C-alpha cells in the first residue's frame, strides 16, 4: 500500500514509517519544504493553505499526525493559537484535498487526543462518552470536526484519540527519566489522577490496525489497564530501582509552564478504555504498565 503520513518525522510518525516499510508498504511523507526529487515526499503548507493534491491521487491511505507540541511551552494566548491552528487548519486542508480527489484513499486516519474527554475523575471513558471541558478538549473537538470533508466524501475516517505514548525516544517518559534516575521522581499532586497510556509499539500497531480494518469514528488509543499517577510513579521507580517517596512540588512546573497547562496535562484524570479496538479484535503487546516499562527501558 502507498500510505501518506503527516508528522512523519515525529516520534510516532518515524516509528510508523519504519514499521510500514518493514512490511513492504510505501510510506510517503508530507513535508513543508520542497519535496526532494525522487524521494517519497509530497509538499504541503498547512499555514499557507496549499497542498500538492495531484500527488495524492491514487494513495491507498492517509495517516495525519501533524500538530504543534502540546506540552513543550507555556500556554500563552499565542501558543494556544499555534496549537489549535496547527491541528484544525492542517486537518481541514488535508480533508478537503482528499475529498476532491478523483481516486480517493480508502481510509483517512486522523490524529486526536485522549484530552477530548477533559478531566473526569474515576469515570471510565469510552468512545461513547461526550467531550469534556477545557482548552485541550475544545481543541480536540475542533480537530476532529475538521475531518468532515473527507468523511462527507465517503472516505472511511477514523479518529485516533492517542493517550500518553510510552517511549524512551521522546514524549512524557523520556522527559521524566533523568529525574527518576537521579532518585528525584515522585507523584504529582494527589497521585490519584488516572493516566491513560500506550506503548509506542502498540500505538503503531493500532494505527496500522485502523488502516486495514473497517473502523471509523473515534478510537481510544490506550492500553486496557490505565494507572493512577501514583501507580505510574511506583512502577517507573521499581523498574529503575530508584526511590519515589517524595512528591514532586508543583510550584516548579507551574512557574515554568503555567497553572492551566499543569492542571490539564499533569493533574487531569482520564481513565480511558480502548473499547473500539478491543471489540474489533485488536490485542495489545503491552497491556500492563510495569512489564511495558521493563521492555521499553530494557531493564
C-alpha atoms as a PDB file:
ATOM      1  CA  UNK A   1       0.000   0.000   0.000  1.00  0.00           C
ATOM      2  CA  UNK A   2       1.024   3.614  -0.592  1.00  0.00           C
ATOM      3  CA  UNK A   3       0.375   5.458   2.671  1.00  0.00           C
ATOM      4  CA  UNK A   4       0.766   9.229   3.033  1.00  0.00           C
ATOM      5  CA  UNK A   5       1.793  10.409   6.505  1.00  0.00           C
ATOM      6  CA  UNK A   6       1.880  13.886   8.014  1.00  0.00           C
ATOM      7  CA  UNK A   7       4.102  14.336  11.037  1.00  0.00           C
ATOM      8  CA  UNK A   8       6.273  11.577   9.588  1.00  0.00           C
ATOM      9  CA  UNK A   9       9.423  12.901  11.282  1.00  0.00           C
ATOM     10  CA  UNK A  10       7.875  12.908  14.770  1.00  0.00           C
ATOM     11  CA  UNK A  11       8.084  10.169  17.405  1.00  0.00           C
ATOM     12  CA  UNK A  12       5.017   8.259  16.226  1.00  0.00           C
ATOM     13  CA  UNK A  13       5.418   9.058  12.531  1.00  0.00           C
ATOM     14  CA  UNK A  14       9.018   7.835  12.436  1.00  0.00           C
ATOM     15  CA  UNK A  15       8.113   4.544  14.108  1.00  0.00           C
ATOM     16  CA  UNK A  16       5.052   4.085  11.898  1.00  0.00           C
ATOM     17  CA  UNK A  17       7.034   4.746   8.709  1.00  0.00           C
ATOM     18  CA  UNK A  18       9.685   2.216   9.715  1.00  0.00           C
ATOM     19  CA  UNK A  19       7.085  -0.410  10.555  1.00  0.00           C
ATOM     20  CA  UNK A  20       5.176   0.074   7.303  1.00  0.00           C
ATOM     21  CA  UNK A  21       8.396  -0.128   5.286  1.00  0.00           C
ATOM     22  CA  UNK A  22       9.374  -3.393   7.002  1.00  0.00           C
ATOM     23  CA  UNK A  23       6.035  -4.859   5.909  1.00  0.00           C
ATOM     24  CA  UNK A  24       6.555  -3.903   2.279  1.00  0.00           C
ATOM     25  CA  UNK A  25       4.360  -0.801   2.247  1.00  0.00           C
ATOM     26  CA  UNK A  26       5.434   2.579   0.875  1.00  0.00           C
ATOM     27  CA  UNK A  27       5.161   5.451   3.365  1.00  0.00           C
ATOM     28  CA  UNK A  28       5.075   8.878   1.729  1.00  0.00           C
ATOM     29  CA  UNK A  29       5.873  11.867   3.933  1.00  0.00           C
ATOM     30  CA  UNK A  30       4.023  15.162   3.619  1.00  0.00           C
ATOM     31  CA  UNK A  31       6.684  17.843   4.115  1.00  0.00           C
ATOM     32  CA  UNK A  32       6.525  21.616   4.472  1.00  0.00           C
ATOM     33  CA  UNK A  33       9.714  22.240   2.485  1.00  0.00           C
ATOM     34  CA  UNK A  34      10.044  21.495  -1.218  1.00  0.00           C
ATOM     35  CA  UNK A  35       9.739  17.759  -1.872  1.00  0.00           C
ATOM     36  CA  UNK A  36      13.056  16.192  -2.843  1.00  0.00           C
ATOM     37  CA  UNK A  37      13.245  14.836  -6.375  1.00  0.00           C
ATOM     38  CA  UNK A  38      12.933  11.066  -6.384  1.00  0.00           C
ATOM     39  CA  UNK A  39      12.009  10.911  -2.711  1.00  0.00           C
ATOM     40  CA  UNK A  40       8.716   9.604  -1.343  1.00  0.00           C
ATOM     41  CA  UNK A  41       7.532  13.066  -0.355  1.00  0.00           C
ATOM     42  CA  UNK A  42       4.606  15.378  -1.049  1.00  0.00           C
ATOM     43  CA  UNK A  43       4.759  19.100  -0.302  1.00  0.00           C
ATOM     44  CA  UNK A  44       2.146  20.906   1.720  1.00  0.00           C
ATOM     45  CA  UNK A  45       1.910  24.110   3.717  1.00  0.00           C
ATOM     46  CA  UNK A  46      -0.885  23.924   6.312  1.00  0.00           C
ATOM     47  CA  UNK A  47      -0.422  27.522   7.484  1.00  0.00           C
ATOM     48  CA  UNK A  48      -0.414  28.801   3.911  1.00  0.00           C
ATOM     49  CA  UNK A  49      -3.335  26.593   2.892  1.00  0.00           C
ATOM     50  CA  UNK A  50      -1.549  24.872  -0.001  1.00  0.00           C
ATOM     51  CA  UNK A  51      -1.009  21.203  -0.803  1.00  0.00           C
ATOM     52  CA  UNK A  52       0.169  19.213  -3.815  1.00  0.00           C
ATOM     53  CA  UNK A  53      -3.166  17.453  -4.187  1.00  0.00           C
ATOM     54  CA  UNK A  54      -2.288  15.902  -7.546  1.00  0.00           C
ATOM     55  CA  UNK A  55       0.397  13.812  -5.853  1.00  0.00           C
ATOM     56  CA  UNK A  56      -2.229  12.362  -3.520  1.00  0.00           C
ATOM     57  CA  UNK A  57      -4.148  10.792  -6.407  1.00  0.00           C
ATOM     58  CA  UNK A  58      -4.166   7.026  -6.046  1.00  0.00           C
ATOM     59  CA  UNK A  59      -2.830   6.990  -2.483  1.00  0.00           C
ATOM     60  CA  UNK A  60      -4.272   3.997  -0.620  1.00  0.00           C
ATOM     61  CA  UNK A  61      -4.406   5.506   2.877  1.00  0.00           C
ATOM     62  CA  UNK A  62      -3.561   8.705   4.755  1.00  0.00           C
ATOM     63  CA  UNK A  63      -2.406   8.976   8.371  1.00  0.00           C
ATOM     64  CA  UNK A  64      -2.483  12.516   9.747  1.00  0.00           C
ATOM     65  CA  UNK A  65      -0.270  13.034  12.810  1.00  0.00           C
ATOM     66  CA  UNK A  66       0.981  16.614  12.420  1.00  0.00           C
ATOM     67  CA  UNK A  67       0.473  19.213  15.135  1.00  0.00           C
ATOM     68  CA  UNK A  68       2.476  21.566  17.347  1.00  0.00           C
ATOM     69  CA  UNK A  69       3.689  20.113  20.657  1.00  0.00           C
ATOM     70  CA  UNK A  70       1.126  20.500  23.423  1.00  0.00           C
ATOM     71  CA  UNK A  71       3.417  20.355  26.435  1.00  0.00           C
ATOM     72  CA  UNK A  72       6.537  21.998  25.039  1.00  0.00           C
ATOM     73  CA  UNK A  73       5.901  25.601  26.049  1.00  0.00           C
ATOM     74  CA  UNK A  74       3.792  27.772  28.368  1.00  0.00           C
ATOM     75  CA  UNK A  75       0.239  28.224  27.103  1.00  0.00           C
ATOM     76  CA  UNK A  76       0.220  31.890  26.228  1.00  0.00           C
ATOM     77  CA  UNK A  77      -2.596  33.098  24.003  1.00  0.00           C
ATOM     78  CA  UNK A  78      -0.213  32.978  21.038  1.00  0.00           C
ATOM     79  CA  UNK A  79       0.921  29.437  21.859  1.00  0.00           C
ATOM     80  CA  UNK A  80      -2.662  28.266  22.223  1.00  0.00           C
ATOM     81  CA  UNK A  81      -3.409  29.645  18.781  1.00  0.00           C
ATOM     82  CA  UNK A  82      -0.429  27.763  17.337  1.00  0.00           C
ATOM     83  CA  UNK A  83      -1.580  24.514  18.976  1.00  0.00           C
ATOM     84  CA  UNK A  84      -5.153  24.931  17.761  1.00  0.00           C
ATOM     85  CA  UNK A  85      -4.388  26.191  14.259  1.00  0.00           C
ATOM     86  CA  UNK A  86      -1.697  23.581  13.579  1.00  0.00           C
ATOM     87  CA  UNK A  87      -4.362  20.926  14.072  1.00  0.00           C
ATOM     88  CA  UNK A  88      -7.535  22.424  12.674  1.00  0.00           C
ATOM     89  CA  UNK A  89      -6.054  24.182   9.640  1.00  0.00           C
ATOM     90  CA  UNK A  90      -3.878  21.236   8.621  1.00  0.00           C
ATOM     91  CA  UNK A  91      -6.706  18.758   9.074  1.00  0.00           C
ATOM     92  CA  UNK A  92      -9.184  20.873   7.144  1.00  0.00           C
ATOM     93  CA  UNK A  93      -6.719  21.400   4.292  1.00  0.00           C
ATOM     94  CA  UNK A  94      -5.920  17.713   4.047  1.00  0.00           C
ATOM     95  CA  UNK A  95      -9.512  16.502   4.385  1.00  0.00           C
ATOM     96  CA  UNK A  96     -10.700  18.948   1.724  1.00  0.00           C
ATOM     97  CA  UNK A  97      -7.917  17.900  -0.650  1.00  0.00           C
ATOM     98  CA  UNK A  98      -8.733  14.204  -0.173  1.00  0.00           C
ATOM     99  CA  UNK A  99     -12.416  14.855  -0.763  1.00  0.00           C
ATOM    100  CA  UNK A 100     -11.628  16.480  -4.110  1.00  0.00           C
ATOM    101  CA  UNK A 101      -9.517  13.638  -5.496  1.00  0.00           C
ATOM    102  CA  UNK A 102     -10.700  11.597  -8.453  1.00  0.00           C
ATOM    103  CA  UNK A 103      -9.244   8.451  -6.885  1.00  0.00           C
ATOM    104  CA  UNK A 104      -9.747   8.802  -3.154  1.00  0.00           C
ATOM    105  CA  UNK A 105      -7.896   6.846  -0.457  1.00  0.00           C
ATOM    106  CA  UNK A 106      -9.828   4.057   1.209  1.00  0.00           C
ATOM    107  CA  UNK A 107      -9.146   5.413   4.691  1.00  0.00           C
ATOM    108  CA  UNK A 108      -8.166   8.616   6.458  1.00  0.00           C
ATOM    109  CA  UNK A 109      -6.750   8.085   9.960  1.00  0.00           C
ATOM    110  CA  UNK A 110      -6.613  11.471  11.647  1.00  0.00           C
ATOM    111  CA  UNK A 111      -4.956  12.210  14.950  1.00  0.00           C
ATOM    112  CA  UNK A 112      -6.762  13.403  18.049  1.00  0.00           C
ATOM    113  CA  UNK A 113      -6.124  13.015  21.759  1.00  0.00           C
ATOM    114  CA  UNK A 114      -7.452  11.488  24.952  1.00  0.00           C
ATOM    115  CA  UNK A 115      -7.684  15.108  26.118  1.00  0.00           C
ATOM    116  CA  UNK A 116     -11.015  15.117  24.243  1.00  0.00           C
ATOM    117  CA  UNK A 117     -12.675  13.930  27.456  1.00  0.00           C
ATOM    118  CA  UNK A 118     -11.219  16.567  29.751  1.00  0.00           C
ATOM    119  CA  UNK A 119     -10.610  15.611  33.389  1.00  0.00           C
ATOM    120  CA  UNK A 120     -13.214  13.074  34.516  1.00  0.00           C
ATOM    121  CA  UNK A 121     -12.038  11.737  37.868  1.00  0.00           C
ATOM    122  CA  UNK A 122     -12.622   7.999  38.290  1.00  0.00           C
ATOM    123  CA  UNK A 123     -15.135   7.703  35.438  1.00  0.00           C
ATOM    124  CA  UNK A 124     -14.326   5.057  32.822  1.00  0.00           C
ATOM    125  CA  UNK A 125     -14.105   6.768  29.438  1.00  0.00           C
ATOM    126  CA  UNK A 126     -15.053   5.035  26.188  1.00  0.00           C
ATOM    127  CA  UNK A 127     -15.575   6.423  22.721  1.00  0.00           C
ATOM    128  CA  UNK A 128     -19.291   6.796  23.533  1.00  0.00           C
ATOM    129  CA  UNK A 129     -18.601   9.466  26.150  1.00  0.00           C
ATOM    130  CA  UNK A 130     -19.035  13.162  25.285  1.00  0.00           C
ATOM    131  CA  UNK A 131     -16.328  15.785  25.123  1.00  0.00           C
ATOM    132  CA  UNK A 132     -15.166  17.370  28.343  1.00  0.00           C
ATOM    133  CA  UNK A 133     -14.302  20.960  29.067  1.00  0.00           C
ATOM    134  CA  UNK A 134     -11.081  22.948  28.910  1.00  0.00           C
ATOM    135  CA  UNK A 135      -8.656  24.082  26.251  1.00  0.00           C
ATOM    136  CA  UNK A 136      -7.468  20.613  25.216  1.00  0.00           C
ATOM    137  CA  UNK A 137     -10.982  19.219  24.987  1.00  0.00           C
ATOM    138  CA  UNK A 138     -12.055  22.178  22.853  1.00  0.00           C
ATOM    139  CA  UNK A 139      -9.064  21.725  20.543  1.00  0.00           C
ATOM    140  CA  UNK A 140      -9.810  18.017  20.106  1.00  0.00           C
ATOM    141  CA  UNK A 141     -13.455  18.726  19.265  1.00  0.00           C
ATOM    142  CA  UNK A 142     -12.460  21.232  16.565  1.00  0.00           C
ATOM    143  CA  UNK A 143      -9.626  18.978  15.368  1.00  0.00           C
ATOM    144  CA  UNK A 144     -11.984  16.054  14.829  1.00  0.00           C
ATOM    145  CA  UNK A 145     -14.674  18.219  13.245  1.00  0.00           C
ATOM    146  CA  UNK A 146     -12.157  19.391  10.645  1.00  0.00           C
ATOM    147  CA  UNK A 147     -12.112  15.881   9.129  1.00  0.00           C
ATOM    148  CA  UNK A 148     -15.731  16.299   7.950  1.00  0.00           C
ATOM    149  CA  UNK A 149     -14.964  16.977   4.256  1.00  0.00           C
ATOM    150  CA  UNK A 150     -13.259  13.571   3.987  1.00  0.00           C
ATOM    151  CA  UNK A 151     -15.999  11.592   5.715  1.00  0.00           C
ATOM    152  CA  UNK A 152     -18.703  13.513   3.821  1.00  0.00           C
ATOM    153  CA  UNK A 153     -16.972  12.463   0.597  1.00  0.00           C
ATOM    154  CA  UNK A 154     -17.314   8.801   1.557  1.00  0.00           C
ATOM    155  CA  UNK A 155     -13.779   8.224   2.803  1.00  0.00           C
ATOM    156  CA  UNK A 156     -13.671   5.965   5.855  1.00  0.00           C
ATOM    157  CA  UNK A 157     -12.422   8.315   8.543  1.00  0.00           C
ATOM    158  CA  UNK A 158     -11.046   7.113  11.886  1.00  0.00           C
ATOM    159  CA  UNK A 159     -10.091   9.457  14.716  1.00  0.00           C
ATOM    160  CA  UNK A 160      -7.081   8.289  16.730  1.00  0.00           C
ATOM    161  CA  UNK A 161      -7.548   9.597  20.275  1.00  0.00           C
ATOM    162  CA  UNK A 162      -4.000   8.927  21.394  1.00  0.00           C
ATOM    163  CA  UNK A 163      -3.114   8.756  25.078  1.00  0.00           C
ATOM    164  CA  UNK A 164       0.342   9.243  26.654  1.00  0.00           C
ATOM    165  CA  UNK A 165       2.769   7.317  24.450  1.00  0.00           C
ATOM    166  CA  UNK A 166       5.450   5.446  26.382  1.00  0.00           C
ATOM    167  CA  UNK A 167       8.857   5.535  24.706  1.00  0.00           C
ATOM    168  CA  UNK A 168      12.414   6.240  25.745  1.00  0.00           C
ATOM    169  CA  UNK A 169      12.853   8.092  22.448  1.00  0.00           C
ATOM    170  CA  UNK A 170      10.571  11.003  23.236  1.00  0.00           C
ATOM    171  CA  UNK A 171       7.416  12.233  24.909  1.00  0.00           C
ATOM    172  CA  UNK A 172       6.495  12.212  28.595  1.00  0.00           C
ATOM    173  CA  UNK A 173       8.539   9.178  29.632  1.00  0.00           C
ATOM    174  CA  UNK A 174      11.785  10.478  28.177  1.00  0.00           C
ATOM    175  CA  UNK A 175      11.283  13.832  29.916  1.00  0.00           C
ATOM    176  CA  UNK A 176      10.875  12.104  33.274  1.00  0.00           C
ATOM    177  CA  UNK A 177      13.692   9.568  33.025  1.00  0.00           C
ATOM    178  CA  UNK A 178      16.529  11.784  34.236  1.00  0.00           C
ATOM    179  CA  UNK A 179      14.547  12.951  37.274  1.00  0.00           C
ATOM    180  CA  UNK A 180      13.730   9.372  38.227  1.00  0.00           C
ATOM    181  CA  UNK A 181      17.257   8.102  37.573  1.00  0.00           C
ATOM    182  CA  UNK A 182      18.527  10.740  39.992  1.00  0.00           C
ATOM    183  CA  UNK A 183      16.130   9.444  42.624  1.00  0.00           C
ATOM    184  CA  UNK A 184      14.056  12.629  42.478  1.00  0.00           C
ATOM    185  CA  UNK A 185      10.940  11.149  40.894  1.00  0.00           C
ATOM    186  CA  UNK A 186       7.669  11.220  42.765  1.00  0.00           C
ATOM    187  CA  UNK A 187       3.937  11.551  42.337  1.00  0.00           C
ATOM    188  CA  UNK A 188       2.403  14.772  41.061  1.00  0.00           C
ATOM    189  CA  UNK A 189      -0.325  16.276  43.216  1.00  0.00           C
ATOM    190  CA  UNK A 190      -2.566  13.742  44.957  1.00  0.00           C
ATOM    191  CA  UNK A 191      -1.382  10.892  42.729  1.00  0.00           C
ATOM    192  CA  UNK A 192      -4.961   9.634  42.425  1.00  0.00           C
ATOM    193  CA  UNK A 193      -5.466  11.096  38.940  1.00  0.00           C
ATOM    194  CA  UNK A 194      -5.766   8.463  36.218  1.00  0.00           C
ATOM    195  CA  UNK A 195      -3.251   8.171  33.392  1.00  0.00           C
ATOM    196  CA  UNK A 196      -4.255   6.635  30.083  1.00  0.00           C
ATOM    197  CA  UNK A 197      -1.146   5.355  28.329  1.00  0.00           C
ATOM    198  CA  UNK A 198       0.015   3.217  25.412  1.00  0.00           C
ATOM    199  CA  UNK A 199       3.412   1.890  24.386  1.00  0.00           C
ATOM    200  CA  UNK A 200       4.873   3.239  21.144  1.00  0.00           C
ATOM    201  CA  UNK A 201       4.805  -0.324  19.807  1.00  0.00           C
ATOM    202  CA  UNK A 202       1.053  -0.631  20.385  1.00  0.00           C
ATOM    203  CA  UNK A 203       0.422   2.914  19.135  1.00  0.00           C
ATOM    204  CA  UNK A 204       1.948   1.973  15.789  1.00  0.00           C
ATOM    205  CA  UNK A 205       0.192  -1.400  15.705  1.00  0.00           C
ATOM    206  CA  UNK A 206      -3.135   0.266  16.485  1.00  0.00           C
ATOM    207  CA  UNK A 207      -2.712   2.815  13.695  1.00  0.00           C
ATOM    208  CA  UNK A 208      -1.910   0.008  11.266  1.00  0.00           C
ATOM    209  CA  UNK A 209      -4.951  -1.911  12.548  1.00  0.00           C
ATOM    210  CA  UNK A 210      -7.133   1.117  11.869  1.00  0.00           C
ATOM    211  CA  UNK A 211      -5.816   1.287   8.316  1.00  0.00           C
ATOM    212  CA  UNK A 212      -6.549  -2.329   7.486  1.00  0.00           C
ATOM    213  CA  UNK A 213      -9.769  -2.928   9.430  1.00  0.00           C
ATOM    214  CA  UNK A 214     -13.214  -1.459   8.901  1.00  0.00           C
ATOM    215  CA  UNK A 215     -13.073   1.052  11.746  1.00  0.00           C
ATOM    216  CA  UNK A 216     -14.496   4.567  11.567  1.00  0.00           C
ATOM    217  CA  UNK A 217     -15.158   7.347  14.052  1.00  0.00           C
ATOM    218  CA  UNK A 218     -13.341   7.893  17.360  1.00  0.00           C
ATOM    219  CA  UNK A 219     -10.909   5.259  18.622  1.00  0.00           C
ATOM    220  CA  UNK A 220      -9.209   5.415  22.023  1.00  0.00           C
ATOM    221  CA  UNK A 221      -5.549   4.519  21.585  1.00  0.00           C
ATOM    222  CA  UNK A 222      -4.747   3.498  25.135  1.00  0.00           C
ATOM    223  CA  UNK A 223      -3.799   0.299  26.928  1.00  0.00           C
ATOM    224  CA  UNK A 224      -6.671  -1.583  28.602  1.00  0.00           C
ATOM    225  CA  UNK A 225      -5.134  -1.034  32.032  1.00  0.00           C
ATOM    226  CA  UNK A 226      -4.840   2.665  32.926  1.00  0.00           C
ATOM    227  CA  UNK A 227      -2.930   3.549  36.082  1.00  0.00           C
ATOM    228  CA  UNK A 228      -3.027   6.327  38.619  1.00  0.00           C
ATOM    229  CA  UNK A 229      -0.174   8.798  38.735  1.00  0.00           C
ATOM    230  CA  UNK A 230       0.982   7.145  41.960  1.00  0.00           C
ATOM    231  CA  UNK A 231       0.949   3.697  40.321  1.00  0.00           C
ATOM    232  CA  UNK A 232       2.918   5.041  37.371  1.00  0.00           C
ATOM    233  CA  UNK A 233       5.430   6.625  39.739  1.00  0.00           C
ATOM    234  CA  UNK A 234       5.922   3.397  41.681  1.00  0.00           C
ATOM    235  CA  UNK A 235       6.212   1.301  38.516  1.00  0.00           C
ATOM    236  CA  UNK A 236       8.850   3.537  36.941  1.00  0.00           C
ATOM    237  CA  UNK A 237      10.764   3.746  40.215  1.00  0.00           C
ATOM    238  CA  UNK A 238      10.663  -0.034  40.533  1.00  0.00           C
ATOM    239  CA  UNK A 239      11.947  -0.588  37.000  1.00  0.00           C
ATOM    240  CA  UNK A 240      14.762   1.919  37.501  1.00  0.00           C
ATOM    241  CA  UNK A 241      15.400   0.722  41.061  1.00  0.00           C
ATOM    242  CA  UNK A 242      15.114   4.232  42.442  1.00  0.00           C
ATOM    243  CA  UNK A 243      13.117   5.642  45.374  1.00  0.00           C
ATOM    244  CA  UNK A 244       9.908   7.568  44.670  1.00  0.00           C
ATOM    245  CA  UNK A 245       8.857   8.620  48.158  1.00  0.00           C
ATOM    246  CA  UNK A 246       8.882  12.399  47.866  1.00  0.00           C
ATOM    247  CA  UNK A 247       6.092  14.103  45.866  1.00  0.00           C
ATOM    248  CA  UNK A 248       7.267  16.459  43.115  1.00  0.00           C
ATOM    249  CA  UNK A 249       6.439  20.066  44.113  1.00  0.00           C
ATOM    250  CA  UNK A 250       4.040  21.615  41.623  1.00  0.00           C
ATOM    251  CA  UNK A 251       5.325  25.166  42.001  1.00  0.00           C
ATOM    252  CA  UNK A 252       8.204  24.393  39.612  1.00  0.00           C
ATOM    253  CA  UNK A 253       6.090  23.140  36.685  1.00  0.00           C
ATOM    254  CA  UNK A 254       3.513  25.867  37.323  1.00  0.00           C
ATOM    255  CA  UNK A 255       6.201  28.532  37.322  1.00  0.00           C
ATOM    256  CA  UNK A 256       7.694  27.179  34.101  1.00  0.00           C
ATOM    257  CA  UNK A 257       4.563  26.208  32.166  1.00  0.00           C
ATOM    258  CA  UNK A 258       1.686  27.966  33.911  1.00  0.00           C
ATOM    259  CA  UNK A 259      -1.161  26.610  36.020  1.00  0.00           C
ATOM    260  CA  UNK A 260      -3.514  25.862  33.115  1.00  0.00           C
ATOM    261  CA  UNK A 261      -1.084  23.506  31.389  1.00  0.00           C
ATOM    262  CA  UNK A 262      -0.271  21.749  34.662  1.00  0.00           C
ATOM    263  CA  UNK A 263      -3.952  21.294  35.512  1.00  0.00           C
ATOM    264  CA  UNK A 264      -4.836  19.845  32.097  1.00  0.00           C
ATOM    265  CA  UNK A 265      -1.735  17.769  31.377  1.00  0.00           C
ATOM    266  CA  UNK A 266      -0.346  16.693  34.751  1.00  0.00           C
ATOM    267  CA  UNK A 267      -3.286  16.770  37.135  1.00  0.00           C
ATOM    268  CA  UNK A 268      -6.096  15.829  34.738  1.00  0.00           C
ATOM    269  CA  UNK A 269      -7.671  12.415  35.384  1.00  0.00           C
ATOM    270  CA  UNK A 270      -8.549  10.321  32.340  1.00  0.00           C
ATOM    271  CA  UNK A 271      -9.382   6.640  32.754  1.00  0.00           C
ATOM    272  CA  UNK A 272      -9.671   5.709  29.099  1.00  0.00           C
ATOM    273  CA  UNK A 273     -10.611   2.299  27.750  1.00  0.00           C
ATOM    274  CA  UNK A 274      -9.928   1.070  24.175  1.00  0.00           C
ATOM    275  CA  UNK A 275     -13.451  -0.233  23.611  1.00  0.00           C
ATOM    276  CA  UNK A 276     -13.486   0.098  19.818  1.00  0.00           C
ATOM    277  CA  UNK A 277     -10.113  -1.583  19.361  1.00  0.00           C
ATOM    278  CA  UNK A 278     -10.977  -4.397  21.756  1.00  0.00           C
ATOM    279  CA  UNK A 279     -14.332  -5.101  20.103  1.00  0.00           C
ATOM    280  CA  UNK A 280     -12.635  -5.140  16.698  1.00  0.00           C
ATOM    281  CA  UNK A 281     -10.226  -7.858  17.870  1.00  0.00           C
ATOM    282  CA  UNK A 282      -7.066  -5.851  18.479  1.00  0.00           C
ATOM    283  CA  UNK A 283      -4.706  -7.392  21.025  1.00  0.00           C
ATOM    284  CA  UNK A 284      -2.110  -5.395  22.939  1.00  0.00           C
ATOM    285  CA  UNK A 285       1.519  -6.419  23.161  1.00  0.00           C
ATOM    286  CA  UNK A 286       1.875  -4.158  26.199  1.00  0.00           C
ATOM    287  CA  UNK A 287      -1.360  -4.294  28.213  1.00  0.00           C
ATOM    288  CA  UNK A 288       0.306  -3.751  31.616  1.00  0.00           C
ATOM    289  CA  UNK A 289       2.482  -0.767  32.505  1.00  0.00           C
ATOM    290  CA  UNK A 290       5.367  -2.222  34.511  1.00  0.00           C
ATOM    291  CA  UNK A 291       6.202  -5.043  32.052  1.00  0.00           C
ATOM    292  CA  UNK A 292       5.953  -2.464  29.255  1.00  0.00           C
ATOM    293  CA  UNK A 293       8.431  -0.192  31.040  1.00  0.00           C
ATOM    294  CA  UNK A 294      10.804  -3.122  31.560  1.00  0.00           C
ATOM    295  CA  UNK A 295      10.734  -3.859  27.827  1.00  0.00           C
ATOM    296  CA  UNK A 296      10.985  -0.219  26.746  1.00  0.00           C
ATOM    297  CA  UNK A 297      13.845   0.557  29.098  1.00  0.00           C
ATOM    298  CA  UNK A 298      15.404  -2.907  28.682  1.00  0.00           C
ATOM    299  CA  UNK A 299      15.608  -3.427  32.423  1.00  0.00           C
END
